[in-house]
PDB file of N, CA and C in Angstrom:
ATOM      1  N   MET A   1      87.015  34.375  78.195  1.00  0.00           N
ATOM      2  CA  MET A   1      87.101  35.489  77.172  1.00  0.00           C
ATOM      3  C   MET A   1      86.282  36.590  77.715  1.00  0.00           C
ATOM      4  N   THR A   2      87.028  37.723  77.801  1.00  0.00           N
ATOM      5  CA  THR A   2      86.398  38.901  78.313  1.00  0.00           C
ATOM      6  C   THR A   2      85.818  39.777  77.122  1.00  0.00           C
ATOM      7  N   ALA A   3      84.509  40.341  77.315  1.00  0.00           N
ATOM      8  CA  ALA A   3      83.954  41.221  76.382  1.00  0.00           C
ATOM      9  C   ALA A   3      84.813  42.486  76.216  1.00  0.00           C
ATOM     10  N   GLN A   4      84.937  42.955  75.034  1.00  0.00           N
ATOM     11  CA  GLN A   4      85.577  44.170  74.688  1.00  0.00           C
ATOM     12  C   GLN A   4      84.557  45.294  74.887  1.00  0.00           C
ATOM     13  N   HIS A   5      84.717  46.372  75.709  1.00  0.00           N
ATOM     14  CA  HIS A   5      83.840  47.412  75.954  1.00  0.00           C
ATOM     15  C   HIS A   5      84.135  48.538  74.755  1.00  0.00           C
ATOM     16  N   THR A   6      83.178  48.795  74.072  1.00  0.00           N
ATOM     17  CA  THR A   6      83.376  49.844  73.112  1.00  0.00           C
ATOM     18  C   THR A   6      82.437  51.047  73.543  1.00  0.00           C
ATOM     19  N   PRO A   7      83.013  52.247  73.545  1.00  0.00           N
ATOM     20  CA  PRO A   7      82.308  53.434  74.119  1.00  0.00           C
ATOM     21  C   PRO A   7      80.989  53.743  73.098  1.00  0.00           C
ATOM     22  N   GLN A   8      79.955  54.187  73.811  1.00  0.00           N
ATOM     23  CA  GLN A   8      78.842  54.537  72.955  1.00  0.00           C
ATOM     24  C   GLN A   8      79.041  55.657  72.197  1.00  0.00           C
ATOM     25  N   THR A   9      78.888  55.807  70.960  1.00  0.00           N
ATOM     26  CA  THR A   9      78.953  56.976  70.213  1.00  0.00           C
ATOM     27  C   THR A   9      77.662  57.481  69.601  1.00  0.00           C
ATOM     28  N   MET A  10      77.666  58.628  69.093  1.00  0.00           N
ATOM     29  CA  MET A  10      76.450  59.200  68.410  1.00  0.00           C
ATOM     30  C   MET A  10      76.905  59.986  67.211  1.00  0.00           C
ATOM     31  N   LYS A  11      75.920  60.144  66.483  1.00  0.00           N
ATOM     32  CA  LYS A  11      75.948  60.803  65.116  1.00  0.00           C
ATOM     33  C   LYS A  11      76.197  62.479  65.571  1.00  0.00           C
ATOM     34  N   PRO A  12      77.043  62.993  64.713  1.00  0.00           N
ATOM     35  CA  PRO A  12      77.288  64.551  64.856  1.00  0.00           C
ATOM     36  C   PRO A  12      75.865  65.300  65.094  1.00  0.00           C
ATOM     37  N   ALA A  13      74.861  64.956  64.232  1.00  0.00           N
ATOM     38  CA  ALA A  13      73.662  65.603  64.427  1.00  0.00           C
ATOM     39  C   ALA A  13      72.993  65.490  65.783  1.00  0.00           C
ATOM     40  N   THR A  14      73.094  64.290  66.417  1.00  0.00           N
ATOM     41  CA  THR A  14      72.558  63.979  67.819  1.00  0.00           C
ATOM     42  C   THR A  14      73.289  64.842  68.792  1.00  0.00           C
ATOM     43  N   ALA A  15      74.708  64.867  68.599  1.00  0.00           N
ATOM     44  CA  ALA A  15      75.560  65.574  69.609  1.00  0.00           C
ATOM     45  C   ALA A  15      75.353  67.077  69.410  1.00  0.00           C
ATOM     46  N   ALA A  16      75.113  67.547  68.130  1.00  0.00           N
ATOM     47  CA  ALA A  16      74.811  68.986  67.959  1.00  0.00           C
ATOM     48  C   ALA A  16      73.466  69.277  68.685  1.00  0.00           C
ATOM     49  N   LYS A  17      72.490  68.432  68.592  1.00  0.00           N
ATOM     50  CA  LYS A  17      71.114  68.690  69.287  1.00  0.00           C
ATOM     51  C   LYS A  17      71.333  68.799  70.764  1.00  0.00           C
ATOM     52  N   LYS A  18      72.242  67.817  71.354  1.00  0.00           N
ATOM     53  CA  LYS A  18      72.445  67.830  72.742  1.00  0.00           C
ATOM     54  C   LYS A  18      73.198  69.174  73.283  1.00  0.00           C
ATOM     55  N   LEU A  19      73.923  69.697  72.450  1.00  0.00           N
ATOM     56  CA  LEU A  19      74.733  70.778  72.651  1.00  0.00           C
ATOM     57  C   LEU A  19      73.945  72.026  72.368  1.00  0.00           C
ATOM     58  N   ASN A  20      72.853  71.991  71.793  1.00  0.00           N
ATOM     59  CA  ASN A  20      71.991  73.026  71.487  1.00  0.00           C
ATOM     60  C   ASN A  20      72.659  74.041  70.347  1.00  0.00           C
ATOM     61  N   VAL A  21      73.407  73.433  69.428  1.00  0.00           N
ATOM     62  CA  VAL A  21      74.016  74.173  68.384  1.00  0.00           C
ATOM     63  C   VAL A  21      73.487  73.714  66.998  1.00  0.00           C
ATOM     64  N   TYR A  22      73.703  74.522  66.002  1.00  0.00           N
ATOM     65  CA  TYR A  22      73.313  74.377  64.542  1.00  0.00           C
ATOM     66  C   TYR A  22      74.494  73.572  63.895  1.00  0.00           C
ATOM     67  N   LEU A  23      74.097  72.337  63.482  1.00  0.00           N
ATOM     68  CA  LEU A  23      75.147  71.349  63.006  1.00  0.00           C
ATOM     69  C   LEU A  23      76.005  72.095  61.832  1.00  0.00           C
ATOM     70  N   PRO A  24      75.321  72.645  60.798  1.00  0.00           N
ATOM     71  CA  PRO A  24      76.204  73.106  59.680  1.00  0.00           C
ATOM     72  C   PRO A  24      77.138  74.250  60.028  1.00  0.00           C
ATOM     73  N   ALA A  25      77.015  74.905  61.243  1.00  0.00           N
ATOM     74  CA  ALA A  25      77.951  75.980  61.695  1.00  0.00           C
ATOM     75  C   ALA A  25      79.005  75.403  62.494  1.00  0.00           C
ATOM     76  N   THR A  26      79.062  74.156  62.740  1.00  0.00           N
ATOM     77  CA  THR A  26      80.148  73.419  63.482  1.00  0.00           C
ATOM     78  C   THR A  26      81.401  73.158  62.708  1.00  0.00           C
ATOM     79  N   PRO A  27      82.544  72.978  63.222  1.00  0.00           N
ATOM     80  CA  PRO A  27      83.688  72.716  62.409  1.00  0.00           C
ATOM     81  C   PRO A  27      83.532  71.432  61.625  1.00  0.00           C
ATOM     82  N   ALA A  28      84.099  71.294  60.376  1.00  0.00           N
ATOM     83  CA  ALA A  28      84.127  70.207  59.634  1.00  0.00           C
ATOM     84  C   ALA A  28      84.373  68.847  60.368  1.00  0.00           C
ATOM     85  N   GLU A  29      85.486  68.807  61.304  1.00  0.00           N
ATOM     86  CA  GLU A  29      85.876  67.741  61.871  1.00  0.00           C
ATOM     87  C   GLU A  29      84.642  67.172  62.920  1.00  0.00           C
ATOM     88  N   PHE A  30      84.000  67.998  63.450  1.00  0.00           N
ATOM     89  CA  PHE A  30      82.805  67.741  64.330  1.00  0.00           C
ATOM     90  C   PHE A  30      81.696  67.042  63.468  1.00  0.00           C
ATOM     91  N   GLN A  31      81.460  67.677  62.286  1.00  0.00           N
ATOM     92  CA  GLN A  31      80.401  67.121  61.374  1.00  0.00           C
ATOM     93  C   GLN A  31      80.716  65.856  60.735  1.00  0.00           C
ATOM     94  N   GLU A  32      82.080  65.572  60.611  1.00  0.00           N
ATOM     95  CA  GLU A  32      82.330  64.363  59.773  1.00  0.00           C
ATOM     96  C   GLU A  32      82.777  63.294  60.792  1.00  0.00           C
ATOM     97  N   GLY A  33      82.712  63.354  61.945  1.00  0.00           N
ATOM     98  CA  GLY A  33      83.228  62.287  62.919  1.00  0.00           C
ATOM     99  C   GLY A  33      82.078  61.695  63.724  1.00  0.00           C
ATOM    100  N   VAL A  34      82.305  60.983  64.735  1.00  0.00           N
ATOM    101  CA  VAL A  34      81.296  60.578  65.637  1.00  0.00           C
ATOM    102  C   VAL A  34      81.691  60.989  67.080  1.00  0.00           C
ATOM    103  N   VAL A  35      80.768  61.181  68.078  1.00  0.00           N
ATOM    104  CA  VAL A  35      81.078  61.805  69.202  1.00  0.00           C
ATOM    105  C   VAL A  35      80.741  60.607  70.216  1.00  0.00           C
ATOM    106  N   SER A  36      81.681  60.456  71.175  1.00  0.00           N
ATOM    107  CA  SER A  36      81.490  59.460  72.082  1.00  0.00           C
ATOM    108  C   SER A  36      80.822  60.251  73.298  1.00  0.00           C
ATOM    109  N   ARG A  37      80.212  59.567  74.154  1.00  0.00           N
ATOM    110  CA  ARG A  37      79.441  60.132  75.471  1.00  0.00           C
ATOM    111  C   ARG A  37      80.502  60.876  76.251  1.00  0.00           C
ATOM    112  N   SER A  38      81.709  60.426  76.405  1.00  0.00           N
ATOM    113  CA  SER A  38      82.746  61.009  77.242  1.00  0.00           C
ATOM    114  C   SER A  38      83.148  62.289  76.454  1.00  0.00           C
ATOM    115  N   GLU A  39      83.238  62.265  75.175  1.00  0.00           N
ATOM    116  CA  GLU A  39      83.620  63.510  74.381  1.00  0.00           C
ATOM    117  C   GLU A  39      82.515  64.573  74.609  1.00  0.00           C
ATOM    118  N   LEU A  40      81.311  64.059  74.511  1.00  0.00           N
ATOM    119  CA  LEU A  40      80.139  65.047  74.734  1.00  0.00           C
ATOM    120  C   LEU A  40      80.201  65.663  75.902  1.00  0.00           C
ATOM    121  N   ALA A  41      80.384  64.821  77.041  1.00  0.00           N
ATOM    122  CA  ALA A  41      80.450  65.446  78.449  1.00  0.00           C
ATOM    123  C   ALA A  41      81.661  66.440  78.577  1.00  0.00           C
ATOM    124  N   ALA A  42      82.780  66.077  77.895  1.00  0.00           N
ATOM    125  CA  ALA A  42      83.857  66.997  77.871  1.00  0.00           C
ATOM    126  C   ALA A  42      83.513  68.385  77.348  1.00  0.00           C
ATOM    127  N   LEU A  43      82.759  68.327  76.164  1.00  0.00           N
ATOM    128  CA  LEU A  43      82.373  69.572  75.406  1.00  0.00           C
ATOM    129  C   LEU A  43      81.512  70.341  76.162  1.00  0.00           C
ATOM    130  N   GLN A  44      80.517  69.633  76.938  1.00  0.00           N
ATOM    131  CA  GLN A  44      79.510  70.342  77.896  1.00  0.00           C
ATOM    132  C   GLN A  44      80.283  70.901  79.100  1.00  0.00           C
ATOM    133  N   ALA A  45      81.242  70.165  79.589  1.00  0.00           N
ATOM    134  CA  ALA A  45      81.875  70.619  80.887  1.00  0.00           C
ATOM    135  C   ALA A  45      82.898  71.766  80.645  1.00  0.00           C
ATOM    136  N   ASP A  46      83.506  71.789  79.514  1.00  0.00           N
ATOM    137  CA  ASP A  46      84.676  72.738  79.228  1.00  0.00           C
ATOM    138  C   ASP A  46      84.605  72.981  77.609  1.00  0.00           C
ATOM    139  N   PRO A  47      83.665  73.772  77.178  1.00  0.00           N
ATOM    140  CA  PRO A  47      83.454  73.995  75.748  1.00  0.00           C
ATOM    141  C   PRO A  47      84.735  74.677  75.139  1.00  0.00           C
ATOM    142  N   PRO A  48      85.078  74.159  74.016  1.00  0.00           N
ATOM    143  CA  PRO A  48      86.279  74.907  73.276  1.00  0.00           C
ATOM    144  C   PRO A  48      85.680  76.178  72.633  1.00  0.00           C
ATOM    145  N   GLU A  49      86.531  77.013  72.263  1.00  0.00           N
ATOM    146  CA  GLU A  49      86.168  78.318  71.851  1.00  0.00           C
ATOM    147  C   GLU A  49      85.187  78.375  70.649  1.00  0.00           C
ATOM    148  N   TRP A  50      85.185  77.410  69.721  1.00  0.00           N
ATOM    149  CA  TRP A  50      84.310  77.424  68.664  1.00  0.00           C
ATOM    150  C   TRP A  50      83.008  77.234  69.188  1.00  0.00           C
ATOM    151  N   LEU A  51      82.881  76.333  70.154  1.00  0.00           N
ATOM    152  CA  LEU A  51      81.567  76.008  70.817  1.00  0.00           C
ATOM    153  C   LEU A  51      80.907  77.314  71.531  1.00  0.00           C
ATOM    154  N   ARG A  52      81.824  77.970  72.257  1.00  0.00           N
ATOM    155  CA  ARG A  52      81.425  79.057  73.011  1.00  0.00           C
ATOM    156  C   ARG A  52      80.904  80.179  72.106  1.00  0.00           C
ATOM    157  N   GLU A  53      81.769  80.371  71.022  1.00  0.00           N
ATOM    158  CA  GLU A  53      81.365  81.521  70.099  1.00  0.00           C
ATOM    159  C   GLU A  53      80.046  81.173  69.400  1.00  0.00           C
ATOM    160  N   LEU A  54      79.813  79.800  69.076  1.00  0.00           N
ATOM    161  CA  LEU A  54      78.521  79.389  68.342  1.00  0.00           C
ATOM    162  C   LEU A  54      77.356  79.667  69.233  1.00  0.00           C
ATOM    163  N   ARG A  55      77.541  79.373  70.545  1.00  0.00           N
ATOM    164  CA  ARG A  55      76.395  79.482  71.356  1.00  0.00           C
ATOM    165  C   ARG A  55      76.229  81.065  71.644  1.00  0.00           C
ATOM    166  N   ARG A  56      77.352  81.779  71.503  1.00  0.00           N
ATOM    167  CA  ARG A  56      77.060  83.246  71.829  1.00  0.00           C
ATOM    168  C   ARG A  56      76.530  83.939  70.555  1.00  0.00           C
ATOM    169  N   THR A  57      76.960  83.680  69.490  1.00  0.00           N
ATOM    170  CA  THR A  57      76.516  84.452  68.309  1.00  0.00           C
ATOM    171  C   THR A  57      75.743  83.710  67.165  1.00  0.00           C
ATOM    172  N   GLY A  58      75.688  82.428  67.285  1.00  0.00           N
ATOM    173  CA  GLY A  58      74.896  81.548  66.401  1.00  0.00           C
ATOM    174  C   GLY A  58      75.660  81.357  65.023  1.00  0.00           C
ATOM    175  N   PRO A  59      74.974  80.870  64.096  1.00  0.00           N
ATOM    176  CA  PRO A  59      73.636  80.649  64.112  1.00  0.00           C
ATOM    177  C   PRO A  59      73.020  79.570  64.899  1.00  0.00           C
ATOM    178  N   HIS A  60      71.816  79.795  65.402  1.00  0.00           N
ATOM    179  CA  HIS A  60      71.219  79.090  66.443  1.00  0.00           C
ATOM    180  C   HIS A  60      70.080  78.073  65.761  1.00  0.00           C
ATOM    181  N   PRO A  61      69.977  76.812  66.094  1.00  0.00           N
ATOM    182  CA  PRO A  61      68.961  75.766  65.626  1.00  0.00           C
ATOM    183  C   PRO A  61      67.605  76.533  66.044  1.00  0.00           C
ATOM    184  N   ARG A  62      66.450  76.068  65.429  1.00  0.00           N
ATOM    185  CA  ARG A  62      65.182  76.521  65.585  1.00  0.00           C
ATOM    186  C   ARG A  62      64.660  76.436  67.093  1.00  0.00           C
ATOM    187  N   PRO A  63      64.953  75.397  67.774  1.00  0.00           N
ATOM    188  CA  PRO A  63      64.436  75.396  69.229  1.00  0.00           C
ATOM    189  C   PRO A  63      65.200  76.392  69.983  1.00  0.00           C
ATOM    190  N   VAL A  64      66.376  76.737  69.706  1.00  0.00           N
ATOM    191  CA  VAL A  64      66.978  77.969  70.530  1.00  0.00           C
ATOM    192  C   VAL A  64      66.429  79.198  70.071  1.00  0.00           C
ATOM    193  N   VAL A  65      66.084  79.498  68.749  1.00  0.00           N
ATOM    194  CA  VAL A  65      65.683  80.584  68.131  1.00  0.00           C
ATOM    195  C   VAL A  65      64.298  80.889  68.826  1.00  0.00           C
ATOM    196  N   ALA A  66      63.537  79.794  68.840  1.00  0.00           N
ATOM    197  CA  ALA A  66      62.149  79.714  69.423  1.00  0.00           C
ATOM    198  C   ALA A  66      62.199  80.390  70.850  1.00  0.00           C
ATOM    199  N   SER A  67      63.032  79.678  71.660  1.00  0.00           N
ATOM    200  CA  SER A  67      63.216  79.997  73.020  1.00  0.00           C
ATOM    201  C   SER A  67      63.698  81.441  73.332  1.00  0.00           C
ATOM    202  N   LYS A  68      64.626  81.906  72.551  1.00  0.00           N
ATOM    203  CA  LYS A  68      65.158  83.303  72.572  1.00  0.00           C
ATOM    204  C   LYS A  68      64.059  84.287  72.261  1.00  0.00           C
ATOM    205  N   LEU A  69      63.120  83.921  71.411  1.00  0.00           N
ATOM    206  CA  LEU A  69      61.994  84.808  70.986  1.00  0.00           C
ATOM    207  C   LEU A  69      60.777  84.659  71.947  1.00  0.00           C
ATOM    208  N   GLY A  70      60.724  83.645  72.660  1.00  0.00           N
ATOM    209  CA  GLY A  70      59.590  83.391  73.550  1.00  0.00           C
ATOM    210  C   GLY A  70      58.394  82.871  72.836  1.00  0.00           C
ATOM    211  N   VAL A  71      58.649  82.062  71.870  1.00  0.00           N
ATOM    212  CA  VAL A  71      57.539  81.451  71.020  1.00  0.00           C
ATOM    213  C   VAL A  71      57.754  79.971  70.824  1.00  0.00           C
ATOM    214  N   SER A  72      56.791  79.192  70.297  1.00  0.00           N
ATOM    215  CA  SER A  72      57.118  77.907  69.911  1.00  0.00           C
ATOM    216  C   SER A  72      57.676  77.589  68.613  1.00  0.00           C
ATOM    217  N   ILE A  73      58.252  76.435  68.360  1.00  0.00           N
ATOM    218  CA  ILE A  73      58.796  76.154  67.021  1.00  0.00           C
ATOM    219  C   ILE A  73      57.744  76.327  66.070  1.00  0.00           C
ATOM    220  N   SER A  74      56.440  75.796  66.323  1.00  0.00           N
ATOM    221  CA  SER A  74      55.399  75.941  65.384  1.00  0.00           C
ATOM    222  C   SER A  74      55.270  77.438  65.144  1.00  0.00           C
ATOM    223  N   GLY A  75      55.219  78.159  66.045  1.00  0.00           N
ATOM    224  CA  GLY A  75      55.023  79.783  65.897  1.00  0.00           C
ATOM    225  C   GLY A  75      56.069  80.313  65.120  1.00  0.00           C
ATOM    226  N   LEU A  76      57.411  79.816  65.188  1.00  0.00           N
ATOM    227  CA  LEU A  76      58.343  80.339  64.249  1.00  0.00           C
ATOM    228  C   LEU A  76      58.014  79.997  62.755  1.00  0.00           C
ATOM    229  N   ALA A  77      57.461  78.819  62.565  1.00  0.00           N
ATOM    230  CA  ALA A  77      57.082  78.406  61.211  1.00  0.00           C
ATOM    231  C   ALA A  77      55.898  79.270  60.643  1.00  0.00           C
ATOM    232  N   ARG A  78      54.997  79.355  61.495  1.00  0.00           N
ATOM    233  CA  ARG A  78      53.803  80.301  61.149  1.00  0.00           C
ATOM    234  C   ARG A  78      54.279  81.767  60.826  1.00  0.00           C
ATOM    235  N   GLY A  79      55.355  82.147  61.595  1.00  0.00           N
ATOM    236  CA  GLY A  79      55.815  83.603  61.230  1.00  0.00           C
ATOM    237  C   GLY A  79      56.790  83.542  60.101  1.00  0.00           C
ATOM    238  N   GLY A  80      57.117  82.409  59.429  1.00  0.00           N
ATOM    239  CA  GLY A  80      57.900  82.378  58.180  1.00  0.00           C
ATOM    240  C   GLY A  80      59.495  82.306  58.524  1.00  0.00           C
ATOM    241  N   VAL A  81      59.779  81.843  59.656  1.00  0.00           N
ATOM    242  CA  VAL A  81      61.189  81.628  60.016  1.00  0.00           C
ATOM    243  C   VAL A  81      61.398  80.245  59.927  1.00  0.00           C
ATOM    244  N   SER A  82      62.102  79.752  58.887  1.00  0.00           N
ATOM    245  CA  SER A  82      62.274  78.416  58.829  1.00  0.00           C
ATOM    246  C   SER A  82      63.871  78.043  58.790  1.00  0.00           C
ATOM    247  N   GLU A  83      64.656  79.018  58.835  1.00  0.00           N
ATOM    248  CA  GLU A  83      66.224  78.851  58.998  1.00  0.00           C
ATOM    249  C   GLU A  83      66.831  79.230  60.404  1.00  0.00           C
ATOM    250  N   ALA A  84      67.999  78.752  60.522  1.00  0.00           N
ATOM    251  CA  ALA A  84      68.690  79.284  61.748  1.00  0.00           C
ATOM    252  C   ALA A  84      68.995  80.686  61.617  1.00  0.00           C
ATOM    253  N   LEU A  85      69.010  81.306  62.769  1.00  0.00           N
ATOM    254  CA  LEU A  85      69.207  82.851  62.886  1.00  0.00           C
ATOM    255  C   LEU A  85      70.384  82.920  63.768  1.00  0.00           C
ATOM    256  N   THR A  86      71.160  84.011  63.567  1.00  0.00           N
ATOM    257  CA  THR A  86      72.105  84.448  64.476  1.00  0.00           C
ATOM    258  C   THR A  86      71.690  85.305  65.566  1.00  0.00           C
ATOM    259  N   THR A  87      72.369  85.413  66.676  1.00  0.00           N
ATOM    260  CA  THR A  87      72.014  86.242  67.698  1.00  0.00           C
ATOM    261  C   THR A  87      71.577  87.698  67.271  1.00  0.00           C
ATOM    262  N   GLU A  88      72.414  88.271  66.436  1.00  0.00           N
ATOM    263  CA  GLU A  88      72.179  89.603  65.935  1.00  0.00           C
ATOM    264  C   GLU A  88      70.726  89.589  65.124  1.00  0.00           C
ATOM    265  N   GLN A  89      70.388  88.577  64.277  1.00  0.00           N
ATOM    266  CA  GLN A  89      69.044  88.507  63.559  1.00  0.00           C
ATOM    267  C   GLN A  89      68.016  88.412  64.722  1.00  0.00           C
ATOM    268  N   ILE A  90      68.203  87.594  65.796  1.00  0.00           N
ATOM    269  CA  ILE A  90      67.153  87.413  66.668  1.00  0.00           C
ATOM    270  C   ILE A  90      66.936  88.856  67.450  1.00  0.00           C
ATOM    271  N   GLU A  91      67.929  89.523  67.714  1.00  0.00           N
ATOM    272  CA  GLU A  91      67.703  90.756  68.435  1.00  0.00           C
ATOM    273  C   GLU A  91      67.035  91.797  67.522  1.00  0.00           C
ATOM    274  N   ALA A  92      67.348  91.693  66.132  1.00  0.00           N
ATOM    275  CA  ALA A  92      66.813  92.702  65.250  1.00  0.00           C
ATOM    276  C   ALA A  92      65.303  92.395  65.127  1.00  0.00           C
ATOM    277  N   LEU A  93      64.933  91.139  65.064  1.00  0.00           N
ATOM    278  CA  LEU A  93      63.528  90.740  65.104  1.00  0.00           C
ATOM    279  C   LEU A  93      62.795  91.071  66.497  1.00  0.00           C
ATOM    280  N   LYS A  94      63.502  90.930  67.573  1.00  0.00           N
ATOM    281  CA  LYS A  94      62.806  91.495  68.820  1.00  0.00           C
ATOM    282  C   LYS A  94      62.627  93.094  68.794  1.00  0.00           C
ATOM    283  N   ALA A  95      63.558  93.715  68.109  1.00  0.00           N
ATOM    284  CA  ALA A  95      63.506  95.204  68.046  1.00  0.00           C
ATOM    285  C   ALA A  95      62.401  95.539  67.201  1.00  0.00           C
ATOM    286  N   GLU A  96      62.305  94.808  66.042  1.00  0.00           N
ATOM    287  CA  GLU A  96      61.217  95.106  65.075  1.00  0.00           C
ATOM    288  C   GLU A  96      59.860  94.762  65.665  1.00  0.00           C
ATOM    289  N   ASN A  97      59.786  93.822  66.446  1.00  0.00           N
ATOM    290  CA  ASN A  97      58.591  93.121  67.010  1.00  0.00           C
ATOM    291  C   ASN A  97      57.356  93.071  66.137  1.00  0.00           C
ATOM    292  N   PRO A  98      57.514  92.355  64.899  1.00  0.00           N
ATOM    293  CA  PRO A  98      56.439  92.346  64.005  1.00  0.00           C
ATOM    294  C   PRO A  98      55.147  91.667  64.680  1.00  0.00           C
ATOM    295  N   GLU A  99      54.065  91.816  63.981  1.00  0.00           N
ATOM    296  CA  GLU A  99      52.673  91.425  64.431  1.00  0.00           C
ATOM    297  C   GLU A  99      52.764  90.004  64.794  1.00  0.00           C
ATOM    298  N   TRP A 100      53.302  89.098  63.896  1.00  0.00           N
ATOM    299  CA  TRP A 100      53.254  87.804  64.040  1.00  0.00           C
ATOM    300  C   TRP A 100      54.071  87.268  65.312  1.00  0.00           C
ATOM    301  N   LEU A 101      55.131  88.034  65.659  1.00  0.00           N
ATOM    302  CA  LEU A 101      55.873  87.634  66.798  1.00  0.00           C
ATOM    303  C   LEU A 101      55.076  88.021  68.026  1.00  0.00           C
ATOM    304  N   GLN A 102      54.278  89.324  68.076  1.00  0.00           N
ATOM    305  CA  GLN A 102      53.380  89.583  69.120  1.00  0.00           C
ATOM    306  C   GLN A 102      52.384  88.555  69.495  1.00  0.00           C
ATOM    307  N   LYS A 103      51.649  88.112  68.314  1.00  0.00           N
ATOM    308  CA  LYS A 103      50.603  87.071  68.396  1.00  0.00           C
ATOM    309  C   LYS A 103      51.231  85.878  68.879  1.00  0.00           C
ATOM    310  N   GLU A 104      52.378  85.293  68.550  1.00  0.00           N
ATOM    311  CA  GLU A 104      52.888  84.021  68.879  1.00  0.00           C
ATOM    312  C   GLU A 104      53.366  84.142  70.290  1.00  0.00           C
ATOM    313  N   ARG A 105      53.800  85.260  70.696  1.00  0.00           N
ATOM    314  CA  ARG A 105      54.189  85.412  72.221  1.00  0.00           C
ATOM    315  C   ARG A 105      52.947  85.432  73.050  1.00  0.00           C
ATOM    316  N   ALA A 106      52.041  85.974  72.594  1.00  0.00           N
ATOM    317  CA  ALA A 106      50.815  85.929  73.454  1.00  0.00           C
ATOM    318  C   ALA A 106      50.095  84.608  73.561  1.00  0.00           C
ATOM    319  N   THR A 107      50.127  83.824  72.298  1.00  0.00           N
ATOM    320  CA  THR A 107      49.789  82.439  72.335  1.00  0.00           C
ATOM    321  C   THR A 107      50.587  81.502  73.340  1.00  0.00           C
ATOM    322  N   GLN A 108      51.799  81.793  73.272  1.00  0.00           N
ATOM    323  CA  GLN A 108      52.897  81.041  74.087  1.00  0.00           C
ATOM    324  C   GLN A 108      52.533  81.291  75.504  1.00  0.00           C
ATOM    325  N   ALA A 109      52.353  82.567  75.961  1.00  0.00           N
ATOM    326  CA  ALA A 109      52.128  82.950  77.331  1.00  0.00           C
ATOM    327  C   ALA A 109      50.714  82.340  77.741  1.00  0.00           C
ATOM    328  N   GLU A 110      49.715  82.317  76.755  1.00  0.00           N
ATOM    329  CA  GLU A 110      48.529  81.675  77.185  1.00  0.00           C
ATOM    330  C   GLU A 110      48.668  80.134  77.445  1.00  0.00           C
ATOM    331  N   THR A 111      49.434  79.554  76.557  1.00  0.00           N
ATOM    332  CA  THR A 111      49.561  78.163  76.704  1.00  0.00           C
ATOM    333  C   THR A 111      50.336  77.749  78.012  1.00  0.00           C
ATOM    334  N   ARG A 112      51.407  78.560  78.375  1.00  0.00           N
ATOM    335  CA  ARG A 112      51.950  78.339  79.716  1.00  0.00           C
ATOM    336  C   ARG A 112      51.010  78.445  81.018  1.00  0.00           C
ATOM    337  N   LYS A 113      50.217  79.598  80.699  1.00  0.00           N
ATOM    338  CA  LYS A 113      49.263  79.771  81.808  1.00  0.00           C
ATOM    339  C   LYS A 113      48.269  78.754  81.906  1.00  0.00           C
ATOM    340  N   GLU A 114      47.766  78.273  80.847  1.00  0.00           N
ATOM    341  CA  GLU A 114      46.884  76.944  80.978  1.00  0.00           C
ATOM    342  C   GLU A 114      47.532  75.783  81.577  1.00  0.00           C
ATOM    343  N   ALA A 115      48.874  75.565  81.139  1.00  0.00           N
ATOM    344  CA  ALA A 115      49.561  74.457  81.661  1.00  0.00           C
ATOM    345  C   ALA A 115      49.720  74.572  83.144  1.00  0.00           C
ATOM    346  N   ALA A 116      49.932  75.739  83.512  1.00  0.00           N
ATOM    347  CA  ALA A 116      50.252  75.967  85.140  1.00  0.00           C
ATOM    348  C   ALA A 116      48.945  75.787  85.836  1.00  0.00           C
ATOM    349  N   ARG A 117      47.850  76.246  85.302  1.00  0.00           N
ATOM    350  CA  ARG A 117      46.541  76.060  85.820  1.00  0.00           C
ATOM    351  C   ARG A 117      46.160  74.513  85.983  1.00  0.00           C
ATOM    352  N   ILE A 118      46.504  73.724  84.999  1.00  0.00           N
ATOM    353  CA  ILE A 118      46.159  72.344  85.043  1.00  0.00           C
ATOM    354  C   ILE A 118      46.965  71.640  86.049  1.00  0.00           C
ATOM    355  N   LYS A 119      48.310  72.016  86.129  1.00  0.00           N
ATOM    356  CA  LYS A 119      49.161  71.480  86.856  1.00  0.00           C
ATOM    357  C   LYS A 119      48.719  71.722  88.402  1.00  0.00           C
ATOM    358  N   ALA A 120      48.355  72.993  88.649  1.00  0.00           N
ATOM    359  CA  ALA A 120      47.839  73.329  90.000  1.00  0.00           C
ATOM    360  C   ALA A 120      46.616  72.530  90.323  1.00  0.00           C
ATOM    361  N   LYS A 121      45.700  72.418  89.514  1.00  0.00           N
ATOM    362  CA  LYS A 121      44.511  71.651  89.529  1.00  0.00           C
ATOM    363  C   LYS A 121      44.739  70.238  89.957  1.00  0.00           C
ATOM    364  N   ASN A 122      45.738  69.505  89.168  1.00  0.00           N
ATOM    365  CA  ASN A 122      46.128  68.320  89.477  1.00  0.00           C
ATOM    366  C   ASN A 122      46.739  68.033  90.863  1.00  0.00           C
ATOM    367  N   ALA A 123      47.489  69.067  91.034  1.00  0.00           N
ATOM    368  CA  ALA A 123      48.125  68.897  92.341  1.00  0.00           C
ATOM    369  C   ALA A 123      47.127  69.082  93.668  1.00  0.00           C
ATOM    370  N   GLU A 124      46.091  69.853  93.488  1.00  0.00           N
ATOM    371  CA  GLU A 124      45.089  70.044  94.436  1.00  0.00           C
ATOM    372  C   GLU A 124      44.329  68.633  94.523  1.00  0.00           C
ATOM    373  N   ARG A 125      44.141  68.008  93.551  1.00  0.00           N
ATOM    374  CA  ARG A 125      43.294  66.686  93.390  1.00  0.00           C
ATOM    375  C   ARG A 125      44.125  65.618  93.925  1.00  0.00           C
ATOM    376  N   ASP A 126      45.456  65.619  93.886  1.00  0.00           N
ATOM    377  CA  ASP A 126      46.296  64.624  94.539  1.00  0.00           C
ATOM    378  C   ASP A 126      46.613  64.971  95.926  1.00  0.00           C
TER     379      ASP A 126
END
């Protein structure tokens, strides 16, 4: 008797996370179904128009928003940003450059600098 091979699938939330998109902004059929690994690979290799548009204009999930603003996810929360933002909203926030954003960017830059220093120190030791 041969074993039946079933493709590995993931929940829509997991697939959205892997695609760096905000799940509630995806089409209903994406949200309601399951996504196989091969379907995910196909979406990554040749994104349909809805996925390209979502990546271009948003709304974007918090990790993407944080990255585009140059801050951490915690920094977003400290700045009072708790929801997904569109590209337009992110650009407006950059242009406005509120005090919290300046502070969080400085904190993020300091964190990166320290991480690089530790990595260099560890490389010297090895």
